[in-house]
Protein backbone atom coordinates (compact mmCIF):
# COMPACT_ATOMS: atom_id res chain seq x y z
CA MET A 1 17.22 35.68 -3.39
CA ALA A 2 20.18 34.68 -5.69
CA ALA A 3 19.23 32.43 -8.88
CA SER A 4 21.27 29.31 -9.49
CA GLY A 5 19.72 27.58 -12.64
CA LYS A 6 16.26 27.08 -12.22
CA VAL A 7 16.58 26.65 -8.40
CA LEU A 8 15.95 30.12 -6.40
CA TYR A 9 18.02 30.25 -3.26
CA SER A 10 17.63 32.64 -0.56
CA VAL A 11 20.65 33.21 1.44
CA ASP A 12 18.38 34.57 4.43
CA GLU A 13 16.14 31.90 4.43
CA GLY A 14 19.23 28.99 3.68
CA ILE A 15 16.36 27.95 1.52
CA HIS A 16 16.24 26.71 -1.98
CA HIS A 17 12.49 27.35 -3.81
CA SER A 18 11.53 26.14 -7.18
CA PRO A 19 10.68 29.01 -9.68
CA LEU A 20 7.64 27.38 -10.33
CA GLN A 21 4.00 28.02 -8.69
CA PRO A 22 3.62 26.66 -4.95
CA VAL A 23 1.43 23.71 -5.07
CA THR A 24 -2.02 24.06 -3.87
CA PHE A 25 -3.04 21.90 -1.27
CA PRO A 26 -6.47 20.22 -0.92
CA THR A 27 -8.60 22.40 2.43
CA GLU A 28 -11.26 20.12 2.99
CA PRO A 29 -10.31 18.44 6.83
CA CYS A 30 -11.75 15.08 5.92
CA LEU A 31 -10.17 14.63 2.02
CA SER A 32 -9.18 10.85 2.20
CA LEU A 33 -6.13 9.64 -0.24
CA ILE A 34 -8.43 8.00 -2.32
CA THR A 35 -11.14 10.81 -2.88
CA PHE A 36 -8.60 13.20 -3.90
CA LEU A 37 -6.55 10.56 -6.58
CA PHE A 38 -9.75 9.54 -7.86
CA ARG A 39 -12.06 12.79 -7.61
CA ASN A 40 -12.08 13.52 -11.27
CA ILE A 41 -12.30 9.96 -12.62
CA ALA A 42 -16.00 11.03 -13.86
CA SER A 43 -14.15 12.93 -16.61
CA TYR A 44 -11.57 9.77 -17.61
CA PRO A 45 -13.18 6.42 -16.53
CA ASP A 46 -11.64 4.21 -19.33
CA ARG A 47 -8.32 6.10 -19.78
CA LEU A 48 -5.25 3.43 -18.96
CA ALA A 49 -4.18 4.02 -14.92
CA ILE A 50 -1.64 1.66 -14.38
CA ALA A 51 0.07 -1.54 -16.69
CA ASP A 52 2.37 -4.12 -15.54
CA ALA A 53 4.65 -4.57 -18.99
CA ASP A 54 6.04 -7.73 -17.73
CA SER A 55 2.71 -9.60 -17.51
CA GLY A 56 0.40 -7.39 -19.82
CA GLU A 57 -2.08 -6.63 -17.20
CA SER A 58 -3.40 -2.86 -17.20
CA LEU A 59 -6.37 -1.17 -15.32
CA THR A 60 -8.06 1.94 -16.48
CA PHE A 61 -8.98 4.53 -13.81
CA ALA A 62 -12.21 2.99 -13.32
CA GLN A 63 -11.35 -0.65 -12.54
CA LEU A 64 -8.72 0.54 -10.62
CA PHE A 65 -11.01 2.32 -8.11
CA SER A 66 -13.41 -0.54 -8.38
CA ALA A 67 -10.73 -2.86 -7.46
CA ILE A 68 -9.35 -0.81 -4.83
CA ARG A 69 -13.17 -0.25 -3.11
CA SER A 70 -13.80 -3.96 -3.61
CA THR A 71 -10.43 -5.23 -2.01
CA SER A 72 -10.84 -2.49 0.80
CA ALA A 73 -14.36 -3.87 1.60
CA GLY A 74 -12.72 -7.78 1.64
CA LEU A 75 -10.02 -6.17 3.94
CA SER A 76 -12.85 -5.11 6.44
CA ARG A 77 -14.72 -8.00 6.57
CA LEU A 78 -10.96 -9.42 7.79
CA GLY A 79 -11.53 -7.45 10.39
CA ILE A 80 -8.68 -4.34 9.17
CA ARG A 81 -9.90 -1.31 10.64
CA LYS A 82 -8.60 2.05 11.31
CA GLY A 83 -4.75 1.87 12.84
CA THR A 84 -3.97 -1.66 11.72
CA VAL A 85 -1.19 -2.22 10.24
CA VAL A 86 -0.86 -4.28 6.81
CA LEU A 87 2.69 -5.26 5.81
CA ILE A 88 3.07 -5.75 1.90
CA CYS A 89 5.93 -8.35 1.05
CA ALA A 90 6.00 -8.59 -2.87
CA PRO A 91 7.74 -7.71 -6.11
CA ASN A 92 6.18 -4.70 -7.96
CA SER A 93 2.74 -5.76 -9.86
CA ILE A 94 -0.52 -4.02 -10.13
CA HIS A 95 -1.89 -6.22 -7.60
CA PHE A 96 0.97 -4.71 -5.38
CA ALA A 97 -1.02 -0.87 -5.87
CA VAL A 98 -4.49 -2.35 -5.52
CA SER A 99 -3.51 -3.76 -2.02
CA PHE A 100 -1.31 -0.90 -0.85
CA PHE A 101 -4.23 1.90 -1.96
CA ALA A 102 -7.13 -0.72 -0.56
CA ILE A 103 -5.27 -0.86 2.80
CA ILE A 104 -5.12 2.85 2.76
CA ALA A 105 -8.82 3.28 2.14
CA ALA A 106 -9.61 0.69 4.82
CA GLY A 107 -8.21 3.45 7.02
CA ALA A 108 -5.33 1.16 7.93
CA VAL A 109 -1.43 1.76 7.79
CA ALA A 110 0.28 -0.03 4.98
CA THR A 111 3.94 -1.48 5.82
CA THR A 112 5.97 -1.99 2.93
CA VAL A 113 9.11 -4.26 2.70
CA ASN A 114 11.83 -5.21 0.42
CA PRO A 115 11.09 -8.76 -1.25
CA LEU A 116 14.96 -9.24 -0.80
CA TYR A 117 14.90 -9.13 2.88
CA THR A 118 16.27 -11.93 4.55
CA ALA A 119 13.48 -13.67 7.02
CA SER A 120 15.57 -11.74 10.10
CA GLU A 121 15.02 -8.61 8.58
CA LEU A 122 11.53 -8.83 7.53
CA SER A 123 11.06 -10.30 11.18
CA LYS A 124 12.07 -7.29 12.41
CA GLN A 125 9.94 -4.61 10.68
CA ALA A 126 7.10 -6.60 11.10
CA ILE A 127 7.67 -6.42 14.88
CA ASP A 128 8.99 -2.90 14.86
CA SER A 129 5.50 -1.78 12.57
CA GLY A 130 3.30 -4.10 14.59
CA SER A 131 1.84 -5.62 11.31
CA LYS A 132 -1.61 -8.06 12.14
CA VAL A 133 -1.30 -9.02 8.48
CA VAL A 134 0.73 -9.79 5.52
CA ILE A 135 0.48 -9.47 2.41
CA THR A 136 3.03 -11.65 -0.20
CA VAL A 137 3.40 -14.05 -2.75
CA THR A 138 3.81 -17.69 -2.79
CA SER A 139 7.29 -17.57 -3.82
CA LEU A 140 8.75 -15.74 -0.82
CA TRP A 141 6.42 -18.16 1.59
CA ASP A 142 9.36 -19.68 2.74
CA LYS A 143 10.76 -16.13 4.26
CA VAL A 144 6.71 -14.92 5.64
CA LYS A 145 5.53 -17.99 7.09
CA PHE A 146 7.97 -17.58 10.15
CA LEU A 147 6.06 -14.17 10.97
CA ARG A 148 3.13 -16.57 11.72
CA LEU A 149 0.72 -13.93 10.72
CA PRO A 150 -2.65 -14.22 8.37
CA THR A 151 -1.86 -14.29 4.92
CA VAL A 152 -3.02 -13.05 1.81
CA PHE A 153 -1.15 -14.41 -1.32
CA ILE A 154 -1.30 -12.03 -4.29
CA GLY A 155 -1.73 -14.21 -7.60
CA PRO A 156 -3.38 -17.72 -8.36
CA LYS A 157 -4.34 -19.89 -5.33
CA ALA A 158 -1.25 -21.69 -4.20
CA ALA A 159 -0.90 -25.59 -4.06
CA PRO A 160 -2.43 -27.30 -1.09
CA SER A 161 0.87 -27.85 0.18
CA VAL A 162 1.36 -24.34 1.46
CA ALA A 163 -1.81 -24.42 3.21
CA ALA A 164 -0.77 -27.57 4.61
CA ASP A 165 2.40 -25.97 6.09
CA SER A 166 0.77 -23.33 7.34
CA LYS A 167 -0.05 -22.20 11.05
CA VAL A 168 -2.07 -19.52 10.19
CA PRO A 169 -5.37 -18.36 8.52
CA ILE A 170 -4.42 -18.27 4.46
CA LEU A 171 -6.57 -16.25 1.83
CA TYR A 172 -6.45 -15.08 -1.71
CA LEU A 173 -6.36 -11.39 -3.13
CA SER A 174 -8.53 -12.47 -5.73
CA ASP A 175 -11.40 -13.69 -2.81
CA LEU A 176 -10.78 -10.07 -1.60
CA MET A 177 -11.33 -8.42 -4.77
CA SER A 178 -14.87 -10.31 -5.57
CA VAL A 179 -16.10 -8.60 -2.37
CA PRO A 180 -19.17 -6.42 -3.70
CA GLU A 181 -17.34 -3.11 -4.12
CA ALA A 182 -20.93 -1.58 -2.54
CA GLU A 183 -20.17 -2.93 0.59
CA TYR A 184 -17.04 -0.26 0.81
CA SER A 185 -17.89 2.10 3.46
CA ARG A 186 -15.77 4.64 5.04
CA ARG A 187 -15.90 4.82 8.82
CA TRP A 188 -13.09 7.10 9.94
CA SER A 189 -11.81 10.28 10.16
CA THR A 190 -8.88 11.64 8.02
CA ASN A 191 -7.84 14.51 10.28
CA ARG A 192 -5.24 12.59 12.17
CA THR A 193 -4.85 9.42 10.50
CA PHE A 194 -1.30 8.24 9.27
CA ALA A 195 -1.13 6.05 5.94
CA LEU A 196 2.42 5.41 5.45
CA CYS A 197 5.88 5.36 7.55
CA TYR A 198 9.13 4.71 5.76
CA ILE A 199 11.64 2.53 7.02
CA HIS A 200 15.72 3.15 6.12
CA PRO A 201 17.83 1.08 6.92
CA GLY A 202 20.59 3.89 7.42
CA LEU A 203 18.07 5.63 9.88
CA LEU A 204 15.74 2.92 11.72
CA GLY A 205 17.27 -0.97 10.26
CA ARG A 206 19.82 -2.86 11.98
CA ALA A 207 23.30 -1.82 12.12
CA ARG A 208 25.81 -2.59 9.53
CA VAL A 209 28.63 -4.46 10.60
């Protein structure tokens, strides 16, 4: 094995190896991503977990964990179950992270899209992924409404015109986050669950001309 900078290359294997110790993976067969991420939360519940420099919002680990569980319980009330695909089309924010992990906590599948997508590109991914619900912001409503999917808005409640323009149920993330955390219950096994699929335009997207 020949050394090349900080990376060790095996000529026989044709593989670049890190000089660091191998990563140890959990061995529990039913360990969920949420349980894994927050397994040591009791040691630092008040430590900053996530912050938004633009809005000034922040959540500690305890607050983030609680928000994820409450939102996941709210999603379950909507019928989101293991295998249900939920599409997120929204800018980066604390609530994007809460939404993503709440979907995973419910055993559902999260598919994310670039907010800069055209309505056509957005529709293609929604169809390809089999999305049943969309989480977005009101500023993207003109793109999202053509999906004709139940919609959960991040942020303050929209003007009545949005609801009047909708042919599908309109809900708000703030309402889901207010669901009692005690309602959260994991009713699925992690053994065969896939939570996230990446779609790259160079591989699965529409051909660029």
